[in-house]
Every structure is written in C-alpha cells, then in structure tokens.
PDB file of N, CA and C in Angstrom:
ATOM      1  N   MET A   1      68.100  96.250  37.242  1.00  0.00           N
ATOM      2  CA  MET A   1      67.951  95.107  36.335  1.00  0.00           C
ATOM      3  C   MET A   1      67.373  93.932  37.123  1.00  0.00           C
ATOM      4  N   THR A   2      66.386  93.301  36.540  1.00  0.00           N
ATOM      5  CA  THR A   2      65.844  92.050  37.165  1.00  0.00           C
ATOM      6  C   THR A   2      66.448  90.862  36.462  1.00  0.00           C
ATOM      7  N   LEU A   3      66.754  89.864  37.272  1.00  0.00           N
ATOM      8  CA  LEU A   3      67.381  88.659  36.747  1.00  0.00           C
ATOM      9  C   LEU A   3      66.835  87.477  37.523  1.00  0.00           C
ATOM     10  N   THR A   4      66.244  86.521  36.781  1.00  0.00           N
ATOM     11  CA  THR A   4      65.699  85.308  37.386  1.00  0.00           C
ATOM     12  C   THR A   4      66.282  84.103  36.650  1.00  0.00           C
ATOM     13  N   ARG A   5      66.863  83.182  37.429  1.00  0.00           N
ATOM     14  CA  ARG A   5      67.448  81.979  36.834  1.00  0.00           C
ATOM     15  C   ARG A   5      66.576  80.761  37.188  1.00  0.00           C
ATOM     16  N   TYR A   6      66.342  79.952  36.187  1.00  0.00           N
ATOM     17  CA  TYR A   6      65.586  78.716  36.372  1.00  0.00           C
ATOM     18  C   TYR A   6      66.557  77.559  36.213  1.00  0.00           C
ATOM     19  N   PRO A   7      67.040  76.980  37.303  1.00  0.00           N
ATOM     20  CA  PRO A   7      68.027  75.889  37.210  1.00  0.00           C
ATOM     21  C   PRO A   7      67.415  74.678  36.492  1.00  0.00           C
ATOM     22  N   THR A   8      68.241  73.922  35.849  1.00  0.00           N
ATOM     23  CA  THR A   8      67.795  72.721  35.194  1.00  0.00           C
ATOM     24  C   THR A   8      67.622  71.580  36.199  1.00  0.00           C
ATOM     25  N   THR A   9      66.793  70.635  35.857  1.00  0.00           N
ATOM     26  CA  THR A   9      66.666  69.432  36.672  1.00  0.00           C
ATOM     27  C   THR A   9      67.657  68.377  36.202  1.00  0.00           C
ATOM     28  N   LYS A  10      68.302  68.642  35.064  1.00  0.00           N
ATOM     29  CA  LYS A  10      69.302  67.691  34.527  1.00  0.00           C
ATOM     30  C   LYS A  10      70.603  67.817  35.325  1.00  0.00           C
ATOM     31  N   PRO A  11      71.443  66.793  35.281  1.00  0.00           N
ATOM     32  CA  PRO A  11      72.671  66.806  36.108  1.00  0.00           C
ATOM     33  C   PRO A  11      73.825  67.585  35.458  1.00  0.00           C
ATOM     34  N   PHE A  12      73.530  68.820  35.010  1.00  0.00           N
ATOM     35  CA  PHE A  12      74.527  69.629  34.319  1.00  0.00           C
ATOM     36  C   PHE A  12      74.535  71.027  34.932  1.00  0.00           C
ATOM     37  N   PRO A  13      75.666  71.741  34.846  1.00  0.00           N
ATOM     38  CA  PRO A  13      75.778  73.063  35.468  1.00  0.00           C
ATOM     39  C   PRO A  13      75.285  74.221  34.578  1.00  0.00           C
ATOM     40  N   PHE A  14      73.967  74.316  34.412  1.00  0.00           N
ATOM     41  CA  PHE A  14      73.415  75.436  33.667  1.00  0.00           C
ATOM     42  C   PHE A  14      71.964  75.683  34.084  1.00  0.00           C
ATOM     43  N   SER A  15      71.428  76.827  33.730  1.00  0.00           N
ATOM     44  CA  SER A  15      70.004  77.100  33.946  1.00  0.00           C
ATOM     45  C   SER A  15      69.273  76.789  32.650  1.00  0.00           C
ATOM     46  N   ASP A  16      68.031  76.289  32.771  1.00  0.00           N
ATOM     47  CA  ASP A  16      67.248  76.048  31.565  1.00  0.00           C
ATOM     48  C   ASP A  16      66.953  77.368  30.854  1.00  0.00           C
ATOM     49  N   VAL A  17      66.697  78.399  31.659  1.00  0.00           N
ATOM     50  CA  VAL A  17      66.355  79.716  31.123  1.00  0.00           C
ATOM     51  C   VAL A  17      66.739  80.779  32.149  1.00  0.00           C
ATOM     52  N   VAL A  18      67.129  81.928  31.630  1.00  0.00           N
ATOM     53  CA  VAL A  18      67.409  83.080  32.477  1.00  0.00           C
ATOM     54  C   VAL A  18      66.539  84.218  31.931  1.00  0.00           C
ATOM     55  N   GLU A  19      65.776  84.845  32.805  1.00  0.00           N
ATOM     56  CA  GLU A  19      64.960  86.002  32.431  1.00  0.00           C
ATOM     57  C   GLU A  19      65.718  87.244  32.854  1.00  0.00           C
ATOM     58  N   ALA A  20      65.925  88.200  31.929  1.00  0.00           N
ATOM     59  CA  ALA A  20      66.583  89.442  32.216  1.00  0.00           C
ATOM     60  C   ALA A  20      65.828  90.580  31.555  1.00  0.00           C
ATOM     61  N   ASN A  21      65.277  91.446  32.380  1.00  0.00           N
ATOM     62  CA  ASN A  21      64.572  92.635  31.901  1.00  0.00           C
ATOM     63  C   ASN A  21      63.584  92.344  30.798  1.00  0.00           C
ATOM     64  N   GLY A  22      62.752  91.324  30.981  1.00  0.00           N
ATOM     65  CA  GLY A  22      61.687  91.023  30.055  1.00  0.00           C
ATOM     66  C   GLY A  22      62.102  90.140  28.884  1.00  0.00           C
ATOM     67  N   PHE A  23      63.345  89.684  28.835  1.00  0.00           N
ATOM     68  CA  PHE A  23      63.767  88.747  27.781  1.00  0.00           C
ATOM     69  C   PHE A  23      64.136  87.434  28.413  1.00  0.00           C
ATOM     70  N   LEU A  24      63.922  86.376  27.628  1.00  0.00           N
ATOM     71  CA  LEU A  24      64.248  85.031  28.061  1.00  0.00           C
ATOM     72  C   LEU A  24      65.402  84.503  27.191  1.00  0.00           C
ATOM     73  N   PHE A  25      66.391  83.938  27.895  1.00  0.00           N
ATOM     74  CA  PHE A  25      67.558  83.357  27.224  1.00  0.00           C
ATOM     75  C   PHE A  25      67.594  81.903  27.619  1.00  0.00           C
ATOM     76  N   LEU A  26      67.219  81.021  26.665  1.00  0.00           N
ATOM     77  CA  LEU A  26      67.184  79.586  26.923  1.00  0.00           C
ATOM     78  C   LEU A  26      68.535  78.976  26.592  1.00  0.00           C
ATOM     79  N   SER A  27      68.969  78.064  27.444  1.00  0.00           N
ATOM     80  CA  SER A  27      70.170  77.316  27.149  1.00  0.00           C
ATOM     81  C   SER A  27      69.913  76.418  25.939  1.00  0.00           C
ATOM     82  N   GLY A  28      70.989  76.067  25.264  1.00  0.00           N
ATOM     83  CA  GLY A  28      70.867  75.154  24.123  1.00  0.00           C
ATOM     84  C   GLY A  28      70.241  73.817  24.546  1.00  0.00           C
ATOM     85  N   GLN A  29      69.352  73.318  23.750  1.00  0.00           N
ATOM     86  CA  GLN A  29      68.663  72.065  24.032  1.00  0.00           C
ATOM     87  C   GLN A  29      69.095  71.028  23.007  1.00  0.00           C
ATOM     88  N   VAL A  30      69.368  69.827  23.499  1.00  0.00           N
ATOM     89  CA  VAL A  30      69.600  68.664  22.662  1.00  0.00           C
ATOM     90  C   VAL A  30      68.551  67.632  23.006  1.00  0.00           C
ATOM     91  N   SER A  31      68.465  66.629  22.210  1.00  0.00           N
ATOM     92  CA  SER A  31      67.460  65.563  22.437  1.00  0.00           C
ATOM     93  C   SER A  31      67.894  64.715  23.633  1.00  0.00           C
ATOM     94  N   MET A  32      67.214  64.904  24.783  1.00  0.00           N
ATOM     95  CA  MET A  32      67.568  64.110  25.945  1.00  0.00           C
ATOM     96  C   MET A  32      66.372  63.988  26.898  1.00  0.00           C
ATOM     97  N   SER A  33      66.478  62.971  27.731  1.00  0.00           N
ATOM     98  CA  SER A  33      65.441  62.700  28.732  1.00  0.00           C
ATOM     99  C   SER A  33      65.545  63.720  29.856  1.00  0.00           C
ATOM    100  N   ALA A  34      64.547  63.707  30.732  1.00  0.00           N
ATOM    101  CA  ALA A  34      64.506  64.645  31.867  1.00  0.00           C
ATOM    102  C   ALA A  34      65.683  64.417  32.806  1.00  0.00           C
ATOM    103  N   ASP A  35      66.227  63.210  32.827  1.00  0.00           N
ATOM    104  CA  ASP A  35      67.376  62.950  33.711  1.00  0.00           C
ATOM    105  C   ASP A  35      68.711  63.098  33.014  1.00  0.00           C
ATOM    106  N   GLY A  36      68.697  63.666  31.806  1.00  0.00           N
ATOM    107  CA  GLY A  36      69.931  64.023  31.131  1.00  0.00           C
ATOM    108  C   GLY A  36      70.542  62.944  30.235  1.00  0.00           C
ATOM    109  N   GLN A  37      69.764  61.938  29.903  1.00  0.00           N
ATOM    110  CA  GLN A  37      70.278  60.883  29.025  1.00  0.00           C
ATOM    111  C   GLN A  37      69.978  61.240  27.572  1.00  0.00           C
ATOM    112  N   PRO A  38      70.945  61.140  26.670  1.00  0.00           N
ATOM    113  CA  PRO A  38      70.683  61.451  25.267  1.00  0.00           C
ATOM    114  C   PRO A  38      69.654  60.531  24.669  1.00  0.00           C
ATOM    115  N   ILE A  39      68.845  61.051  23.805  1.00  0.00           N
ATOM    116  CA  ILE A  39      67.848  60.274  23.061  1.00  0.00           C
ATOM    117  C   ILE A  39      68.215  60.427  21.587  1.00  0.00           C
ATOM    118  N   TYR A  40      68.660  59.362  20.973  1.00  0.00           N
ATOM    119  CA  TYR A  40      69.084  59.416  19.579  1.00  0.00           C
ATOM    120  C   TYR A  40      67.883  59.185  18.674  1.00  0.00           C
ATOM    121  N   GLY A  41      68.088  59.339  17.415  1.00  0.00           N
ATOM    122  CA  GLY A  41      67.050  59.128  16.410  1.00  0.00           C
ATOM    123  C   GLY A  41      67.377  59.958  15.210  1.00  0.00           C
ATOM    124  N   THR A  42      66.445  60.066  14.311  1.00  0.00           N
ATOM    125  CA  THR A  42      66.664  60.850  13.098  1.00  0.00           C
ATOM    126  C   THR A  42      66.750  62.325  13.455  1.00  0.00           C
ATOM    127  N   VAL A  43      67.202  63.118  12.527  1.00  0.00           N
ATOM    128  CA  VAL A  43      67.241  64.598  12.731  1.00  0.00           C
ATOM    129  C   VAL A  43      65.819  65.095  12.979  1.00  0.00           C
ATOM    130  N   THR A  44      64.865  64.576  12.306  1.00  0.00           N
ATOM    131  CA  THR A  44      63.453  65.000  12.505  1.00  0.00           C
ATOM    132  C   THR A  44      63.011  64.658  13.935  1.00  0.00           C
ATOM    133  N   GLU A  45      63.296  63.415  14.399  1.00  0.00           N
ATOM    134  CA  GLU A  45      62.914  63.045  15.781  1.00  0.00           C
ATOM    135  C   GLU A  45      63.628  63.879  16.790  1.00  0.00           C
ATOM    136  N   GLN A  46      64.913  64.129  16.621  1.00  0.00           N
ATOM    137  CA  GLN A  46      65.646  64.970  17.555  1.00  0.00           C
ATOM    138  C   GLN A  46      65.073  66.396  17.568  1.00  0.00           C
ATOM    139  N   THR A  47      64.833  66.936  16.399  1.00  0.00           N
ATOM    140  CA  THR A  47      64.286  68.310  16.303  1.00  0.00           C
ATOM    141  C   THR A  47      62.935  68.407  16.985  1.00  0.00           C
ATOM    142  N   ASN A  48      62.067  67.422  16.751  1.00  0.00           N
ATOM    143  CA  ASN A  48      60.732  67.437  17.387  1.00  0.00           C
ATOM    144  C   ASN A  48      60.839  67.362  18.910  1.00  0.00           C
ATOM    145  N   ARG A  49      61.736  66.508  19.444  1.00  0.00           N
ATOM    146  CA  ARG A  49      61.938  66.428  20.907  1.00  0.00           C
ATOM    147  C   ARG A  49      62.462  67.746  21.475  1.00  0.00           C
ATOM    148  N   ILE A  50      63.416  68.314  20.761  1.00  0.00           N
ATOM    149  CA  ILE A  50      63.983  69.603  21.227  1.00  0.00           C
ATOM    150  C   ILE A  50      62.946  70.701  21.218  1.00  0.00           C
ATOM    151  N   MET A  51      62.170  70.782  20.178  1.00  0.00           N
ATOM    152  CA  MET A  51      61.163  71.834  20.104  1.00  0.00           C
ATOM    153  C   MET A  51      60.121  71.660  21.207  1.00  0.00           C
ATOM    154  N   GLN A  52      59.780  70.439  21.544  1.00  0.00           N
ATOM    155  CA  GLN A  52      58.865  70.236  22.692  1.00  0.00           C
ATOM    156  C   GLN A  52      59.515  70.672  23.996  1.00  0.00           C
ATOM    157  N   ALA A  53      60.806  70.376  24.179  1.00  0.00           N
ATOM    158  CA  ALA A  53      61.488  70.824  25.367  1.00  0.00           C
ATOM    159  C   ALA A  53      61.527  72.361  25.440  1.00  0.00           C
ATOM    160  N   ILE A  54      61.739  73.017  24.322  1.00  0.00           N
ATOM    161  CA  ILE A  54      61.726  74.471  24.258  1.00  0.00           C
ATOM    162  C   ILE A  54      60.347  75.013  24.651  1.00  0.00           C
ATOM    163  N   ARG A  55      59.297  74.408  24.077  1.00  0.00           N
ATOM    164  CA  ARG A  55      57.920  74.839  24.442  1.00  0.00           C
ATOM    165  C   ARG A  55      57.719  74.699  25.955  1.00  0.00           C
ATOM    166  N   ASP A  56      58.191  73.602  26.540  1.00  0.00           N
ATOM    167  CA  ASP A  56      58.030  73.367  27.974  1.00  0.00           C
ATOM    168  C   ASP A  56      58.774  74.430  28.805  1.00  0.00           C
ATOM    169  N   VAL A  57      59.998  74.747  28.413  1.00  0.00           N
ATOM    170  CA  VAL A  57      60.759  75.730  29.154  1.00  0.00           C
ATOM    171  C   VAL A  57      60.131  77.126  29.001  1.00  0.00           C
ATOM    172  N   LEU A  58      59.689  77.454  27.818  1.00  0.00           N
ATOM    173  CA  LEU A  58      59.008  78.755  27.604  1.00  0.00           C
ATOM    174  C   LEU A  58      57.769  78.863  28.450  1.00  0.00           C
ATOM    175  N   GLN A  59      56.973  77.772  28.490  1.00  0.00           N
ATOM    176  CA  GLN A  59      55.762  77.790  29.289  1.00  0.00           C
ATOM    177  C   GLN A  59      56.104  78.006  30.783  1.00  0.00           C
ATOM    178  N   ARG A  60      57.125  77.338  31.262  1.00  0.00           N
ATOM    179  CA  ARG A  60      57.546  77.493  32.649  1.00  0.00           C
ATOM    180  C   ARG A  60      57.906  78.977  32.944  1.00  0.00           C
ATOM    181  N   ALA A  61      58.405  79.686  31.953  1.00  0.00           N
ATOM    182  CA  ALA A  61      58.797  81.078  32.128  1.00  0.00           C
ATOM    183  C   ALA A  61      57.690  82.042  31.728  1.00  0.00           C
ATOM    184  N   GLY A  62      56.500  81.503  31.406  1.00  0.00           N
ATOM    185  CA  GLY A  62      55.370  82.398  31.107  1.00  0.00           C
ATOM    186  C   GLY A  62      55.255  82.855  29.695  1.00  0.00           C
ATOM    187  N   SER A  63      55.851  82.123  28.753  1.00  0.00           N
ATOM    188  CA  SER A  63      55.843  82.524  27.340  1.00  0.00           C
ATOM    189  C   SER A  63      55.479  81.339  26.427  1.00  0.00           C
ATOM    190  N   THR A  64      55.444  81.620  25.142  1.00  0.00           N
ATOM    191  CA  THR A  64      55.096  80.593  24.141  1.00  0.00           C
ATOM    192  C   THR A  64      56.065  80.719  22.962  1.00  0.00           C
ATOM    193  N   MET A  65      55.902  79.817  22.000  1.00  0.00           N
ATOM    194  CA  MET A  65      56.706  79.882  20.783  1.00  0.00           C
ATOM    195  C   MET A  65      56.472  81.181  20.014  1.00  0.00           C
ATOM    196  N   GLU A  66      55.298  81.790  20.162  1.00  0.00           N
ATOM    197  CA  GLU A  66      55.016  83.049  19.507  1.00  0.00           C
ATOM    198  C   GLU A  66      55.919  84.164  19.970  1.00  0.00           C
ATOM    199  N   ASP A  67      56.519  83.983  21.145  1.00  0.00           N
ATOM    200  CA  ASP A  67      57.371  85.036  21.750  1.00  0.00           C
ATOM    201  C   ASP A  67      58.848  84.919  21.377  1.00  0.00           C
ATOM    202  N   VAL A  68      59.188  83.864  20.620  1.00  0.00           N
ATOM    203  CA  VAL A  68      60.595  83.611  20.243  1.00  0.00           C
ATOM    204  C   VAL A  68      60.996  84.676  19.200  1.00  0.00           C
ATOM    205  N   VAL A  69      62.107  85.333  19.423  1.00  0.00           N
ATOM    206  CA  VAL A  69      62.605  86.348  18.504  1.00  0.00           C
ATOM    207  C   VAL A  69      63.856  85.927  17.741  1.00  0.00           C
ATOM    208  N   ARG A  70      64.604  84.955  18.308  1.00  0.00           N
ATOM    209  CA  ARG A  70      65.840  84.519  17.662  1.00  0.00           C
ATOM    210  C   ARG A  70      66.108  83.059  18.016  1.00  0.00           C
ATOM    211  N   VAL A  71      66.616  82.327  17.000  1.00  0.00           N
ATOM    212  CA  VAL A  71      66.939  80.917  17.162  1.00  0.00           C
ATOM    213  C   VAL A  71      68.360  80.690  16.613  1.00  0.00           C
ATOM    214  N   GLN A  72      69.158  79.995  17.413  1.00  0.00           N
ATOM    215  CA  GLN A  72      70.495  79.552  16.962  1.00  0.00           C
ATOM    216  C   GLN A  72      70.462  78.054  16.911  1.00  0.00           C
ATOM    217  N   VAL A  73      70.868  77.511  15.765  1.00  0.00           N
ATOM    218  CA  VAL A  73      70.859  76.063  15.538  1.00  0.00           C
ATOM    219  C   VAL A  73      72.252  75.574  15.219  1.00  0.00           C
ATOM    220  N   TRP A  74      72.612  74.461  15.843  1.00  0.00           N
ATOM    221  CA  TRP A  74      73.868  73.760  15.528  1.00  0.00           C
ATOM    222  C   TRP A  74      73.480  72.410  14.986  1.00  0.00           C
ATOM    223  N   LEU A  75      74.023  72.014  13.857  1.00  0.00           N
ATOM    224  CA  LEU A  75      73.818  70.725  13.272  1.00  0.00           C
ATOM    225  C   LEU A  75      75.158  69.990  13.250  1.00  0.00           C
ATOM    226  N   SER A  76      75.132  68.687  13.348  1.00  0.00           N
ATOM    227  CA  SER A  76      76.371  67.928  13.295  1.00  0.00           C
ATOM    228  C   SER A  76      76.964  67.939  11.908  1.00  0.00           C
ATOM    229  N   SER A  77      76.123  68.180  10.885  1.00  0.00           N
ATOM    230  CA  SER A  77      76.569  68.253   9.492  1.00  0.00           C
ATOM    231  C   SER A  77      75.543  69.027   8.679  1.00  0.00           C
ATOM    232  N   MET A  78      75.984  69.792   7.730  1.00  0.00           N
ATOM    233  CA  MET A  78      75.067  70.514   6.847  1.00  0.00           C
ATOM    234  C   MET A  78      74.289  69.546   5.961  1.00  0.00           C
ATOM    235  N   GLU A  79      74.690  68.302   5.904  1.00  0.00           N
ATOM    236  CA  GLU A  79      73.894  67.275   5.194  1.00  0.00           C
ATOM    237  C   GLU A  79      72.544  67.099   5.880  1.00  0.00           C
ATOM    238  N   ASN A  80      72.388  67.554   7.112  1.00  0.00           N
ATOM    239  CA  ASN A  80      71.138  67.438   7.867  1.00  0.00           C
ATOM    240  C   ASN A  80      70.247  68.672   7.674  1.00  0.00           C
ATOM    241  N   PHE A  81      70.707  69.632   6.931  1.00  0.00           N
ATOM    242  CA  PHE A  81      69.998  70.913   6.838  1.00  0.00           C
ATOM    243  C   PHE A  81      68.586  70.794   6.284  1.00  0.00           C
ATOM    244  N   ALA A  82      68.394  70.052   5.214  1.00  0.00           N
ATOM    245  CA  ALA A  82      67.068  69.937   4.605  1.00  0.00           C
ATOM    246  C   ALA A  82      66.105  69.189   5.524  1.00  0.00           C
ATOM    247  N   GLU A  83      66.586  68.121   6.146  1.00  0.00           N
ATOM    248  CA  GLU A  83      65.700  67.371   7.057  1.00  0.00           C
ATOM    249  C   GLU A  83      65.351  68.225   8.287  1.00  0.00           C
ATOM    250  N   PHE A  84      66.340  68.945   8.809  1.00  0.00           N
ATOM    251  CA  PHE A  84      66.063  69.855   9.918  1.00  0.00           C
ATOM    252  C   PHE A  84      65.020  70.894   9.536  1.00  0.00           C
ATOM    253  N   ASN A  85      65.201  71.552   8.394  1.00  0.00           N
ATOM    254  CA  ASN A  85      64.251  72.596   7.948  1.00  0.00           C
ATOM    255  C   ASN A  85      62.845  72.058   7.827  1.00  0.00           C
ATOM    256  N   ALA A  86      62.712  70.850   7.318  1.00  0.00           N
ATOM    257  CA  ALA A  86      61.375  70.270   7.165  1.00  0.00           C
ATOM    258  C   ALA A  86      60.683  70.092   8.515  1.00  0.00           C
ATOM    259  N   ALA A  87      61.439  69.683   9.541  1.00  0.00           N
ATOM    260  CA  ALA A  87      60.856  69.497  10.876  1.00  0.00           C
ATOM    261  C   ALA A  87      60.613  70.850  11.533  1.00  0.00           C
ATOM    262  N   TYR A  88      61.480  71.791  11.337  1.00  0.00           N
ATOM    263  CA  TYR A  88      61.437  73.111  11.966  1.00  0.00           C
ATOM    264  C   TYR A  88      60.300  74.012  11.401  1.00  0.00           C
ATOM    265  N   ARG A  89      60.030  73.855  10.100  1.00  0.00           N
ATOM    266  CA  ARG A  89      59.090  74.708   9.384  1.00  0.00           C
ATOM    267  C   ARG A  89      57.741  74.867  10.067  1.00  0.00           C
ATOM    268  N   ASP A  90      57.194  73.806  10.659  1.00  0.00           N
ATOM    269  CA  ASP A  90      55.853  73.844  11.241  1.00  0.00           C
ATOM    270  C   ASP A  90      55.813  74.427  12.647  1.00  0.00           C
ATOM    271  N   GLU A  91      56.943  74.750  13.229  1.00  0.00           N
ATOM    272  CA  GLU A  91      56.993  75.214  14.627  1.00  0.00           C
ATOM    273  C   GLU A  91      56.561  76.652  14.801  1.00  0.00           C
ATOM    274  N   PHE A  92      56.538  77.454  13.727  1.00  0.00           N
ATOM    275  CA  PHE A  92      56.270  78.882  13.865  1.00  0.00           C
ATOM    276  C   PHE A  92      55.211  79.336  12.861  1.00  0.00           C
ATOM    277  N   PRO A  93      53.945  78.913  13.041  1.00  0.00           N
ATOM    278  CA  PRO A  93      52.906  79.290  12.072  1.00  0.00           C
ATOM    279  C   PRO A  93      52.622  80.786  12.038  1.00  0.00           C
ATOM    280  N   GLN A  94      53.007  81.536  13.084  1.00  0.00           N
ATOM    281  CA  GLN A  94      52.778  82.987  13.125  1.00  0.00           C
ATOM    282  C   GLN A  94      53.897  83.762  12.416  1.00  0.00           C
ATOM    283  N   GLY A  95      54.897  83.076  11.900  1.00  0.00           N
ATOM    284  CA  GLY A  95      56.037  83.705  11.256  1.00  0.00           C
ATOM    285  C   GLY A  95      57.323  83.296  11.934  1.00  0.00           C
ATOM    286  N   PHE A  96      58.372  83.261  11.147  1.00  0.00           N
ATOM    287  CA  PHE A  96      59.655  82.735  11.656  1.00  0.00           C
ATOM    288  C   PHE A  96      60.441  83.828  12.397  1.00  0.00           C
ATOM    289  N   PRO A  97      61.096  83.398  13.489  1.00  0.00           N
ATOM    290  CA  PRO A  97      62.028  84.312  14.151  1.00  0.00           C
ATOM    291  C   PRO A  97      63.331  84.417  13.354  1.00  0.00           C
ATOM    292  N   ALA A  98      64.176  85.363  13.714  1.00  0.00           N
ATOM    293  CA  ALA A  98      65.517  85.446  13.128  1.00  0.00           C
ATOM    294  C   ALA A  98      66.226  84.128  13.480  1.00  0.00           C
ATOM    295  N   ARG A  99      67.116  83.658  12.569  1.00  0.00           N
ATOM    296  CA  ARG A  99      67.742  82.365  12.818  1.00  0.00           C
ATOM    297  C   ARG A  99      69.124  82.289  12.208  1.00  0.00           C
ATOM    298  N   SER A 100      70.000  81.568  12.879  1.00  0.00           N
ATOM    299  CA  SER A 100      71.319  81.234  12.360  1.00  0.00           C
ATOM    300  C   SER A 100      71.476  79.717  12.470  1.00  0.00           C
ATOM    301  N   VAL A 101      72.204  79.143  11.501  1.00  0.00           N
ATOM    302  CA  VAL A 101      72.481  77.699  11.545  1.00  0.00           C
ATOM    303  C   VAL A 101      73.989  77.524  11.252  1.00  0.00           C
ATOM    304  N   THR A 102      74.602  76.694  12.038  1.00  0.00           N
ATOM    305  CA  THR A 102      76.023  76.386  11.830  1.00  0.00           C
ATOM    306  C   THR A 102      76.238  74.919  12.148  1.00  0.00           C
ATOM    307  N   THR A 103      77.436  74.425  11.914  1.00  0.00           N
ATOM    308  CA  THR A 103      77.761  73.049  12.253  1.00  0.00           C
ATOM    309  C   THR A 103      78.773  73.000  13.373  1.00  0.00           C
ATOM    310  N   SER A 104      78.700  71.917  14.125  1.00  0.00           N
ATOM    311  CA  SER A 104      79.616  71.717  15.245  1.00  0.00           C
ATOM    312  C   SER A 104      79.534  70.266  15.684  1.00  0.00           C
ATOM    313  N   GLN A 105      80.566  69.825  16.378  1.00  0.00           N
ATOM    314  CA  GLN A 105      80.501  68.533  17.038  1.00  0.00           C
ATOM    315  C   GLN A 105      79.672  68.745  18.301  1.00  0.00           C
ATOM    316  N   LEU A 106      78.570  68.018  18.438  1.00  0.00           N
ATOM    317  CA  LEU A 106      77.634  68.245  19.510  1.00  0.00           C
ATOM    318  C   LEU A 106      77.780  67.249  20.653  1.00  0.00           C
ATOM    319  N   ALA A 107      77.321  67.634  21.804  1.00  0.00           N
ATOM    320  CA  ALA A 107      77.352  66.789  22.990  1.00  0.00           C
ATOM    321  C   ALA A 107      76.710  65.441  22.688  1.00  0.00           C
ATOM    322  N   PHE A 108      77.302  64.375  23.231  1.00  0.00           N
ATOM    323  CA  PHE A 108      76.780  63.012  23.135  1.00  0.00           C
ATOM    324  C   PHE A 108      76.695  62.493  21.715  1.00  0.00           C
ATOM    325  N   GLY A 109      77.289  63.159  20.761  1.00  0.00           N
ATOM    326  CA  GLY A 109      77.238  62.707  19.378  1.00  0.00           C
ATOM    327  C   GLY A 109      75.860  62.887  18.750  1.00  0.00           C
ATOM    328  N   LEU A 110      75.063  63.788  19.287  1.00  0.00           N
ATOM    329  CA  LEU A 110      73.748  64.092  18.727  1.00  0.00           C
ATOM    330  C   LEU A 110      73.878  64.947  17.482  1.00  0.00           C
ATOM    331  N   ASP A 111      72.788  65.124  16.781  1.00  0.00           N
ATOM    332  CA  ASP A 111      72.834  65.850  15.477  1.00  0.00           C
ATOM    333  C   ASP A 111      72.275  67.242  15.479  1.00  0.00           C
ATOM    334  N   VAL A 112      71.516  67.623  16.532  1.00  0.00           N
ATOM    335  CA  VAL A 112      70.862  68.921  16.564  1.00  0.00           C
ATOM    336  C   VAL A 112      70.959  69.547  17.942  1.00  0.00           C
ATOM    337  N   GLU A 113      71.267  70.832  18.009  1.00  0.00           N
ATOM    338  CA  GLU A 113      71.144  71.617  19.243  1.00  0.00           C
ATOM    339  C   GLU A 113      70.462  72.931  18.878  1.00  0.00           C
ATOM    340  N   ILE A 114      69.529  73.371  19.680  1.00  0.00           N
ATOM    341  CA  ILE A 114      68.778  74.580  19.422  1.00  0.00           C
ATOM    342  C   ILE A 114      68.746  75.466  20.673  1.00  0.00           C
ATOM    343  N   GLU A 115      68.998  76.755  20.472  1.00  0.00           N
ATOM    344  CA  GLU A 115      68.958  77.731  21.520  1.00  0.00           C
ATOM    345  C   GLU A 115      68.042  78.855  21.074  1.00  0.00           C
ATOM    346  N   VAL A 116      67.220  79.383  21.967  1.00  0.00           N
ATOM    347  CA  VAL A 116      66.334  80.500  21.576  1.00  0.00           C
ATOM    348  C   VAL A 116      66.382  81.633  22.580  1.00  0.00           C
ATOM    349  N   GLN A 117      66.043  82.785  22.070  1.00  0.00           N
ATOM    350  CA  GLN A 117      65.792  83.985  22.895  1.00  0.00           C
ATOM    351  C   GLN A 117      64.388  84.417  22.618  1.00  0.00           C
ATOM    352  N   ALA A 118      63.685  84.840  23.659  1.00  0.00           N
ATOM    353  CA  ALA A 118      62.261  85.210  23.531  1.00  0.00           C
ATOM    354  C   ALA A 118      61.921  86.383  24.402  1.00  0.00           C
ATOM    355  N   VAL A 119      60.807  86.973  24.130  1.00  0.00           N
ATOM    356  CA  VAL A 119      60.242  88.007  25.002  1.00  0.00           C
ATOM    357  C   VAL A 119      59.449  87.282  26.074  1.00  0.00           C
ATOM    358  N   CYS A 120      59.577  87.726  27.305  1.00  0.00           N
ATOM    359  CA  CYS A 120      58.788  87.158  28.377  1.00  0.00           C
ATOM    360  C   CYS A 120      57.401  87.783  28.289  1.00  0.00           C
ATOM    361  N   ARG A 121      56.424  86.974  27.922  1.00  0.00           N
ATOM    362  CA  ARG A 121      55.067  87.449  27.660  1.00  0.00           C
ATOM    363  C   ARG A 121      54.488  88.206  28.841  1.00  0.00           C
ATOM    364  N   THR A 122      54.632  87.691  30.009  1.00  0.00           N
ATOM    365  CA  THR A 122      54.015  88.311  31.199  1.00  0.00           C
ATOM    366  C   THR A 122      54.917  89.347  31.841  1.00  0.00           C
ATOM    367  N   GLY A 123      56.195  89.334  31.473  1.00  0.00           N
ATOM    368  CA  GLY A 123      57.139  90.230  32.131  1.00  0.00           C
ATOM    369  C   GLY A 123      57.614  89.654  33.467  1.00  0.00           C
ATOM    370  N   THR A 124      56.905  88.623  33.959  1.00  0.00           N
ATOM    371  CA  THR A 124      57.287  87.981  35.222  1.00  0.00           C
ATOM    372  C   THR A 124      57.210  86.472  35.025  1.00  0.00           C
ATOM    373  N   PRO A 125      58.335  85.801  35.080  1.00  0.00           N
ATOM    374  CA  PRO A 125      58.325  84.303  34.952  1.00  0.00           C
ATOM    375  C   PRO A 125      57.558  83.666  36.085  1.00  0.00           C
ATOM    376  N   HIS A 126      57.141  82.465  35.838  1.00  0.00           N
ATOM    377  CA  HIS A 126      56.347  81.667  36.790  1.00  0.00           C
ATOM    378  C   HIS A 126      57.104  80.422  37.215  1.00  0.00           C
ATOM    379  N   GLU A 127      56.989  80.022  38.442  1.00  0.00           N
ATOM    380  CA  GLU A 127      57.564  78.737  38.897  1.00  0.00           C
ATOM    381  C   GLU A 127      56.573  77.635  38.665  1.00  0.00           C
TER     382      GLU A 127
END
C-alpha cells in the first residue's frame, strides 16, 4: 500500500490530503485564511472560499474537481441548504459526485464544512 500525507500549513493537527492507493482523502475544509483564521460571511461566500481551497488541495495532489467521487457537507443549519445548493451547483459541470449533507455545530461558529474524496489523476501526488 502506498500512503502519502500532505501536512497542512495551518496551525492544526491534520493533513490537508492523504493519498492512499490512488485515492485522495481531503480533510474537511471550512472558510479560513492560510494561517488558520476563520473568514465569516454568507453561506454562499463561505462555500465559494471552501471550494477554492478544495481545488487548490486537489491541484497540489495532482487532481481536479473532475476527479471528485464523493462529497460530505456539514451545515450549521438546514435553513442554509438552499443557499448552499445554489453555490455548490456550478462546481461540477461534468456531473455531480455522490454527496451527503448533515447539520452540526461547526468549528469557529462557521456555517459550512466540506470534505471530499477523489481519484488521484496521475496516481502520484505532486509537491
């Protein structure tokens, strides 16, 4: 089994992504700056920031949004579901991955957290 861990630059104890046998497992992303400070805003703004962070992590690991096979979403409230869906809808023009959505109290009082699993396009992540 091959296993590659990409540590985060944020001041937290996790890897941004772990590659295992051709699959990528991204840690949950919330709306925050590169130094780990939460960035608040509307559900749409948080979702857009998170999706950009996911694109960046996937690129670092040699993949793209087209390689995402599963998405797990946590919302602070199901009242945010429609606004989240509107922001999320444009992220996957090639077709939607499998997805689950649930509610939870999220870190820093934010409204959205997103975690994805993807296929490693190249089979070998890049630094």
